[in-house]
Amino acid sequence: MTFLRNAEMNDREFWMSLDIHITDESFIRMVQMKQGYLIYDGERPVGILYGSLFWDRIPFLNLLCIRAADRGKGHGRAAMNLWEEEMRQKEFLMTLISTQVDETAQHFYRKLGYTDCGCLILENTPICQPMEMFMYKRL
C-alpha cells in the first residue's frame, strides 16, 4: 500500500539519492516547511515528492521521483492522488506541475488529468535547457 510521510532531517541521504538538484539549505527549508514527502510502499521508501506554492496560492509540484527499481508499479499515480487529495482538503482549487518537453513525464501527467497551459523557454540564459511545459489540474 502506497502512502506519503512528511520528509524529516534524517531522510536526507535517501532524498539526496533521488534528487540531484536540491542543496542542503533547500532540503532543510523543505523539511521545516513540510513541503516534501517520502513515498512508501508498506514500510519501504520508494520515492519522493516535493511541492511548493506558486504565487503563494497554487500548489506546484516541484518534483516526483520514484526509485528506478520501483517504477511502473503505480506508486507515482498513488502518490499524486494522495498529494492532490491533501491539497483539496486544504481547499486549493487546482494544482500545477511542469516538466521538460523532452521528458516522458508529460504523458504520465496527462493520464492523471493534467492539461497543458503554457511554457517557459530558457534559451540563451545561464540555465539553458529544453522548453519547460506547465500543466494544471482542477481539484
N, C-alpha and C. Protein backbone atom coordinates (compact mmCIF):
# COMPACT_ATOMS: atom_id res chain seq x y z
N MET A 1 0.84 -1.19 0.00
CA MET A 1 0.00 0.00 0.00
C MET A 1 0.88 1.25 0.00
N THR A 2 0.60 2.16 -0.90
CA THR A 2 1.38 3.39 -1.02
C THR A 2 0.84 4.45 -0.08
N PHE A 3 1.74 5.14 0.63
CA PHE A 3 1.35 6.28 1.45
C PHE A 3 2.47 7.31 1.47
N LEU A 4 2.14 8.54 1.89
CA LEU A 4 3.10 9.63 1.99
C LEU A 4 3.41 9.91 3.45
N ARG A 5 4.65 10.30 3.70
CA ARG A 5 5.06 10.75 5.03
C ARG A 5 5.90 11.99 4.84
N ASN A 6 5.68 13.02 5.67
CA ASN A 6 6.50 14.22 5.58
C ASN A 6 7.97 13.88 5.74
N ALA A 7 8.79 14.50 4.91
CA ALA A 7 10.24 14.30 5.00
C ALA A 7 10.75 14.87 6.31
N GLU A 8 11.75 14.18 6.87
CA GLU A 8 12.39 14.61 8.11
C GLU A 8 13.88 14.75 7.86
N MET A 9 14.57 15.40 8.76
CA MET A 9 16.00 15.63 8.59
C MET A 9 16.78 14.33 8.40
N ASN A 10 16.38 13.27 9.08
CA ASN A 10 17.12 12.00 8.95
C ASN A 10 16.83 11.28 7.63
N ASP A 11 16.00 11.85 6.77
CA ASP A 11 15.73 11.29 5.44
C ASP A 11 16.67 11.87 4.38
N ARG A 12 17.60 12.72 4.80
CA ARG A 12 18.46 13.43 3.86
C ARG A 12 19.19 12.50 2.89
N GLU A 13 19.79 11.43 3.36
CA GLU A 13 20.56 10.54 2.48
C GLU A 13 19.67 9.92 1.40
N PHE A 14 18.50 9.41 1.79
CA PHE A 14 17.59 8.83 0.80
C PHE A 14 17.14 9.90 -0.19
N TRP A 15 16.77 11.08 0.34
CA TRP A 15 16.30 12.16 -0.54
C TRP A 15 17.38 12.53 -1.56
N MET A 16 18.59 12.75 -1.08
CA MET A 16 19.68 13.16 -1.96
C MET A 16 20.04 12.08 -2.98
N SER A 17 19.71 10.84 -2.69
CA SER A 17 19.99 9.78 -3.66
C SER A 17 19.06 9.86 -4.88
N LEU A 18 17.94 10.56 -4.73
CA LEU A 18 16.97 10.69 -5.81
C LEU A 18 16.89 12.10 -6.41
N ASP A 19 17.21 13.10 -5.62
CA ASP A 19 17.08 14.50 -6.06
C ASP A 19 18.47 15.10 -6.27
N ILE A 20 18.87 15.23 -7.53
CA ILE A 20 20.21 15.74 -7.85
C ILE A 20 20.27 17.26 -7.86
N HIS A 21 19.12 17.92 -7.71
CA HIS A 21 19.08 19.39 -7.82
C HIS A 21 19.09 20.11 -6.48
N ILE A 22 18.64 19.46 -5.43
CA ILE A 22 18.44 20.15 -4.16
C ILE A 22 19.76 20.37 -3.42
N THR A 23 19.86 21.51 -2.76
CA THR A 23 21.03 21.81 -1.93
C THR A 23 20.70 21.45 -0.48
N ASP A 24 21.72 21.40 0.36
CA ASP A 24 21.49 21.14 1.78
C ASP A 24 20.55 22.18 2.38
N GLU A 25 20.76 23.45 2.03
CA GLU A 25 19.93 24.53 2.57
C GLU A 25 18.48 24.37 2.12
N SER A 26 18.28 24.02 0.86
CA SER A 26 16.92 23.83 0.36
C SER A 26 16.24 22.63 1.00
N PHE A 27 17.01 21.57 1.25
CA PHE A 27 16.45 20.40 1.91
C PHE A 27 15.97 20.77 3.31
N ILE A 28 16.79 21.48 4.06
CA ILE A 28 16.42 21.90 5.42
C ILE A 28 15.14 22.74 5.38
N ARG A 29 15.07 23.70 4.48
CA ARG A 29 13.90 24.57 4.36
C ARG A 29 12.64 23.75 3.99
N MET A 30 12.80 22.81 3.05
CA MET A 30 11.69 21.98 2.62
C MET A 30 11.14 21.16 3.80
N VAL A 31 12.03 20.58 4.59
CA VAL A 31 11.62 19.81 5.76
C VAL A 31 10.91 20.70 6.76
N GLN A 32 11.48 21.86 7.05
CA GLN A 32 10.89 22.77 8.03
C GLN A 32 9.51 23.25 7.60
N MET A 33 9.31 23.46 6.31
CA MET A 33 8.03 23.96 5.80
C MET A 33 7.05 22.83 5.49
N LYS A 34 7.49 21.58 5.70
CA LYS A 34 6.65 20.39 5.46
C LYS A 34 6.13 20.35 4.03
N GLN A 35 7.03 20.58 3.07
CA GLN A 35 6.66 20.56 1.66
C GLN A 35 7.15 19.31 0.95
N GLY A 36 7.95 18.50 1.61
CA GLY A 36 8.48 17.29 1.00
C GLY A 36 7.91 16.04 1.64
N TYR A 37 7.76 15.00 0.83
CA TYR A 37 7.19 13.74 1.30
C TYR A 37 8.04 12.58 0.81
N LEU A 38 8.15 11.56 1.64
CA LEU A 38 8.67 10.28 1.18
C LEU A 38 7.47 9.44 0.77
N ILE A 39 7.62 8.73 -0.32
CA ILE A 39 6.58 7.85 -0.81
C ILE A 39 6.94 6.44 -0.35
N TYR A 40 6.02 5.80 0.34
CA TYR A 40 6.27 4.47 0.90
C TYR A 40 5.41 3.42 0.22
N ASP A 41 6.00 2.24 0.09
CA ASP A 41 5.27 1.03 -0.25
C ASP A 41 5.38 0.15 0.99
N GLY A 42 4.34 0.14 1.78
CA GLY A 42 4.41 -0.55 3.07
C GLY A 42 5.40 0.17 3.97
N GLU A 43 6.44 -0.55 4.41
CA GLU A 43 7.44 0.06 5.30
C GLU A 43 8.68 0.52 4.56
N ARG A 44 8.67 0.44 3.23
CA ARG A 44 9.86 0.73 2.43
C ARG A 44 9.69 2.01 1.62
N PRO A 45 10.63 2.98 1.76
CA PRO A 45 10.53 4.18 0.93
C PRO A 45 10.88 3.85 -0.53
N VAL A 46 10.03 4.33 -1.45
CA VAL A 46 10.24 4.05 -2.86
C VAL A 46 10.41 5.31 -3.70
N GLY A 47 10.16 6.48 -3.10
CA GLY A 47 10.28 7.71 -3.88
C GLY A 47 10.10 8.95 -3.03
N ILE A 48 10.11 10.08 -3.73
CA ILE A 48 9.97 11.38 -3.08
C ILE A 48 9.03 12.27 -3.88
N LEU A 49 8.39 13.19 -3.18
CA LEU A 49 7.50 14.17 -3.80
C LEU A 49 7.74 15.49 -3.09
N TYR A 50 7.89 16.55 -3.87
CA TYR A 50 8.18 17.86 -3.30
C TYR A 50 7.27 18.89 -3.96
N GLY A 51 6.48 19.57 -3.14
CA GLY A 51 5.59 20.60 -3.65
C GLY A 51 5.85 21.93 -2.98
N SER A 52 5.42 22.99 -3.63
CA SER A 52 5.52 24.33 -3.06
C SER A 52 4.29 25.11 -3.50
N LEU A 53 4.27 26.40 -3.23
CA LEU A 53 3.15 27.22 -3.66
C LEU A 53 3.61 28.22 -4.71
N PHE A 54 2.96 28.20 -5.85
CA PHE A 54 3.21 29.16 -6.93
C PHE A 54 2.35 30.39 -6.63
N TRP A 55 2.95 31.56 -6.69
CA TRP A 55 2.27 32.80 -6.34
C TRP A 55 1.68 32.75 -4.93
N ASP A 56 2.23 31.91 -4.07
CA ASP A 56 1.77 31.74 -2.69
C ASP A 56 0.32 31.29 -2.60
N ARG A 57 -0.23 30.74 -3.70
CA ARG A 57 -1.63 30.33 -3.63
C ARG A 57 -2.02 29.13 -4.49
N ILE A 58 -1.11 28.62 -5.31
CA ILE A 58 -1.42 27.46 -6.14
C ILE A 58 -0.39 26.36 -5.86
N PRO A 59 -0.83 25.20 -5.39
CA PRO A 59 0.12 24.11 -5.17
C PRO A 59 0.84 23.75 -6.48
N PHE A 60 2.16 23.69 -6.39
CA PHE A 60 3.00 23.41 -7.55
C PHE A 60 3.89 22.21 -7.22
N LEU A 61 3.83 21.20 -8.06
CA LEU A 61 4.67 20.02 -7.86
C LEU A 61 6.06 20.30 -8.41
N ASN A 62 7.04 20.40 -7.52
CA ASN A 62 8.42 20.64 -7.93
C ASN A 62 9.08 19.36 -8.43
N LEU A 63 8.77 18.24 -7.77
CA LEU A 63 9.48 17.01 -8.09
C LEU A 63 8.67 15.80 -7.64
N LEU A 64 8.63 14.82 -8.51
CA LEU A 64 8.13 13.49 -8.19
C LEU A 64 9.16 12.53 -8.75
N CYS A 65 9.74 11.70 -7.90
CA CYS A 65 10.75 10.76 -8.36
C CYS A 65 10.58 9.43 -7.63
N ILE A 66 10.43 8.38 -8.41
CA ILE A 66 10.33 7.02 -7.88
C ILE A 66 11.64 6.30 -8.19
N ARG A 67 12.16 5.54 -7.23
CA ARG A 67 13.39 4.76 -7.47
C ARG A 67 13.20 3.92 -8.72
N ALA A 68 14.25 3.81 -9.52
CA ALA A 68 14.17 3.08 -10.79
C ALA A 68 13.60 1.68 -10.62
N ALA A 69 14.01 0.97 -9.59
CA ALA A 69 13.56 -0.41 -9.38
C ALA A 69 12.08 -0.49 -9.02
N ASP A 70 11.48 0.63 -8.60
CA ASP A 70 10.08 0.63 -8.16
C ASP A 70 9.14 1.33 -9.14
N ARG A 71 9.64 1.72 -10.29
CA ARG A 71 8.80 2.39 -11.28
C ARG A 71 7.87 1.39 -11.96
N GLY A 72 6.76 1.92 -12.46
CA GLY A 72 5.80 1.08 -13.19
C GLY A 72 4.91 0.23 -12.29
N LYS A 73 4.91 0.51 -11.00
CA LYS A 73 4.11 -0.28 -10.06
C LYS A 73 2.95 0.51 -9.47
N GLY A 74 2.72 1.73 -9.98
CA GLY A 74 1.59 2.53 -9.52
C GLY A 74 1.89 3.48 -8.37
N HIS A 75 3.15 3.52 -7.91
CA HIS A 75 3.47 4.39 -6.77
C HIS A 75 3.37 5.87 -7.12
N GLY A 76 3.78 6.24 -8.32
CA GLY A 76 3.70 7.65 -8.74
C GLY A 76 2.26 8.11 -8.82
N ARG A 77 1.43 7.30 -9.44
CA ARG A 77 -0.01 7.63 -9.55
C ARG A 77 -0.63 7.74 -8.16
N ALA A 78 -0.35 6.78 -7.30
CA ALA A 78 -0.91 6.80 -5.95
C ALA A 78 -0.42 8.01 -5.17
N ALA A 79 0.87 8.33 -5.29
CA ALA A 79 1.42 9.49 -4.58
C ALA A 79 0.76 10.78 -5.07
N MET A 80 0.57 10.90 -6.37
CA MET A 80 -0.09 12.09 -6.91
C MET A 80 -1.52 12.20 -6.40
N ASN A 81 -2.23 11.09 -6.37
CA ASN A 81 -3.61 11.10 -5.85
C ASN A 81 -3.64 11.54 -4.40
N LEU A 82 -2.70 11.05 -3.59
CA LEU A 82 -2.65 11.42 -2.18
C LEU A 82 -2.30 12.90 -2.01
N TRP A 83 -1.33 13.39 -2.79
CA TRP A 83 -0.94 14.80 -2.71
C TRP A 83 -2.10 15.69 -3.14
N GLU A 84 -2.75 15.34 -4.25
CA GLU A 84 -3.88 16.13 -4.73
C GLU A 84 -5.01 16.15 -3.70
N GLU A 85 -5.26 15.03 -3.06
CA GLU A 85 -6.31 14.98 -2.04
C GLU A 85 -5.95 15.88 -0.86
N GLU A 86 -4.68 15.88 -0.46
CA GLU A 86 -4.26 16.77 0.63
C GLU A 86 -4.46 18.23 0.23
N MET A 87 -4.15 18.57 -1.01
CA MET A 87 -4.34 19.95 -1.49
C MET A 87 -5.83 20.29 -1.54
N ARG A 88 -6.65 19.34 -1.93
CA ARG A 88 -8.11 19.53 -1.97
C ARG A 88 -8.62 19.80 -0.55
N GLN A 89 -8.14 19.04 0.43
CA GLN A 89 -8.57 19.22 1.82
C GLN A 89 -8.13 20.57 2.37
N LYS A 90 -7.05 21.10 1.83
CA LYS A 90 -6.59 22.44 2.23
C LYS A 90 -7.32 23.53 1.45
N GLU A 91 -8.32 23.12 0.68
CA GLU A 91 -9.22 24.00 -0.07
C GLU A 91 -8.57 24.73 -1.23
N PHE A 92 -7.53 24.13 -1.81
CA PHE A 92 -6.98 24.67 -3.05
C PHE A 92 -7.88 24.22 -4.19
N LEU A 93 -7.96 25.03 -5.24
CA LEU A 93 -8.86 24.76 -6.36
C LEU A 93 -8.18 24.05 -7.53
N MET A 94 -6.86 24.12 -7.58
CA MET A 94 -6.13 23.50 -8.68
C MET A 94 -4.69 23.24 -8.27
N THR A 95 -3.99 22.44 -9.08
CA THR A 95 -2.55 22.21 -8.89
C THR A 95 -1.85 22.47 -10.21
N LEU A 96 -0.57 22.77 -10.13
CA LEU A 96 0.28 22.98 -11.30
C LEU A 96 1.46 22.03 -11.23
N ILE A 97 1.94 21.62 -12.40
CA ILE A 97 3.18 20.87 -12.50
C ILE A 97 3.93 21.40 -13.70
N SER A 98 5.20 21.05 -13.80
CA SER A 98 5.94 21.37 -15.02
C SER A 98 6.91 20.23 -15.30
N THR A 99 7.26 20.09 -16.55
CA THR A 99 8.22 19.08 -16.98
C THR A 99 8.85 19.54 -18.28
N GLN A 100 10.06 19.13 -18.52
CA GLN A 100 10.71 19.48 -19.79
C GLN A 100 10.02 18.73 -20.92
N VAL A 101 9.94 19.38 -22.09
CA VAL A 101 9.24 18.77 -23.22
C VAL A 101 9.94 17.51 -23.74
N ASP A 102 11.21 17.35 -23.43
CA ASP A 102 11.92 16.15 -23.89
C ASP A 102 11.81 14.99 -22.89
N GLU A 103 11.04 15.15 -21.83
CA GLU A 103 10.84 14.09 -20.85
C GLU A 103 9.49 13.41 -21.07
N THR A 104 9.41 12.15 -20.73
CA THR A 104 8.16 11.40 -20.94
C THR A 104 7.14 11.65 -19.85
N ALA A 105 7.50 12.37 -18.79
CA ALA A 105 6.58 12.62 -17.68
C ALA A 105 5.30 13.30 -18.13
N GLN A 106 5.37 14.10 -19.19
CA GLN A 106 4.16 14.80 -19.65
C GLN A 106 3.03 13.82 -19.96
N HIS A 107 3.37 12.65 -20.47
CA HIS A 107 2.35 11.65 -20.80
C HIS A 107 1.72 11.08 -19.53
N PHE A 108 2.54 10.86 -18.51
CA PHE A 108 2.07 10.40 -17.21
C PHE A 108 1.08 11.40 -16.63
N TYR A 109 1.44 12.69 -16.64
CA TYR A 109 0.58 13.71 -16.05
C TYR A 109 -0.73 13.87 -16.83
N ARG A 110 -0.66 13.74 -18.15
CA ARG A 110 -1.91 13.81 -18.93
C ARG A 110 -2.85 12.67 -18.56
N LYS A 111 -2.30 11.49 -18.32
CA LYS A 111 -3.13 10.35 -17.90
C LYS A 111 -3.80 10.61 -16.55
N LEU A 112 -3.19 11.47 -15.73
CA LEU A 112 -3.75 11.82 -14.43
C LEU A 112 -4.73 12.99 -14.52
N GLY A 113 -4.97 13.49 -15.74
CA GLY A 113 -5.94 14.57 -15.92
C GLY A 113 -5.37 15.97 -16.03
N TYR A 114 -4.06 16.08 -16.15
CA TYR A 114 -3.44 17.40 -16.28
C TYR A 114 -3.55 17.89 -17.72
N THR A 115 -3.71 19.20 -17.86
CA THR A 115 -3.89 19.86 -19.15
C THR A 115 -2.77 20.87 -19.38
N ASP A 116 -2.21 20.89 -20.57
CA ASP A 116 -1.16 21.85 -20.92
C ASP A 116 -1.70 23.27 -20.74
N CYS A 117 -0.85 24.16 -20.21
CA CYS A 117 -1.31 25.54 -20.00
C CYS A 117 -0.21 26.58 -20.25
N GLY A 118 0.92 26.21 -20.79
CA GLY A 118 1.94 27.21 -21.09
C GLY A 118 3.33 26.62 -21.05
N CYS A 119 4.30 27.50 -21.27
CA CYS A 119 5.68 27.03 -21.29
C CYS A 119 6.63 28.15 -20.89
N LEU A 120 7.85 27.76 -20.63
CA LEU A 120 8.93 28.67 -20.29
C LEU A 120 10.12 28.29 -21.16
N ILE A 121 10.61 29.24 -21.92
CA ILE A 121 11.75 28.98 -22.80
C ILE A 121 12.97 29.67 -22.21
N LEU A 122 14.02 28.89 -21.99
CA LEU A 122 15.21 29.41 -21.31
C LEU A 122 16.45 29.40 -22.21
N GLU A 123 16.25 29.53 -23.51
CA GLU A 123 17.39 29.61 -24.43
C GLU A 123 18.23 30.85 -24.11
N ASN A 124 19.53 30.72 -24.28
CA ASN A 124 20.47 31.82 -24.08
C ASN A 124 20.39 32.42 -22.68
N THR A 125 20.13 31.58 -21.68
CA THR A 125 20.14 32.01 -20.29
C THR A 125 21.19 31.18 -19.54
N PRO A 126 21.54 31.57 -18.33
CA PRO A 126 22.52 30.78 -17.56
C PRO A 126 22.06 29.36 -17.25
N ILE A 127 20.75 29.10 -17.31
CA ILE A 127 20.26 27.74 -17.06
C ILE A 127 19.56 27.19 -18.30
N CYS A 128 20.19 27.33 -19.42
CA CYS A 128 19.65 26.86 -20.69
C CYS A 128 19.24 25.39 -20.60
N GLN A 129 18.04 25.11 -21.04
CA GLN A 129 17.51 23.75 -21.02
C GLN A 129 16.40 23.66 -22.05
N PRO A 130 15.93 22.46 -22.35
CA PRO A 130 14.77 22.35 -23.24
C PRO A 130 13.56 23.08 -22.63
N MET A 131 12.59 23.40 -23.47
CA MET A 131 11.41 24.13 -23.02
C MET A 131 10.74 23.41 -21.84
N GLU A 132 10.36 24.19 -20.84
CA GLU A 132 9.64 23.69 -19.67
C GLU A 132 8.15 23.92 -19.92
N MET A 133 7.37 22.85 -19.94
CA MET A 133 5.94 22.97 -20.16
C MET A 133 5.20 22.89 -18.83
N PHE A 134 4.16 23.69 -18.70
CA PHE A 134 3.34 23.74 -17.49
C PHE A 134 1.99 23.09 -17.77
N MET A 135 1.47 22.43 -16.74
CA MET A 135 0.18 21.75 -16.84
C MET A 135 -0.59 22.01 -15.54
N TYR A 136 -1.92 22.03 -15.64
CA TYR A 136 -2.75 22.25 -14.46
C TYR A 136 -3.80 21.16 -14.37
N LYS A 137 -4.37 21.06 -13.16
CA LYS A 137 -5.50 20.17 -12.93
C LYS A 137 -6.43 20.82 -11.93
N ARG A 138 -7.71 20.86 -12.26
CA ARG A 138 -8.72 21.34 -11.30
C ARG A 138 -8.93 20.26 -10.25
N LEU A 139 -9.05 20.68 -9.02
CA LEU A 139 -9.27 19.71 -7.92
C LEU A 139 -10.76 19.58 -7.60
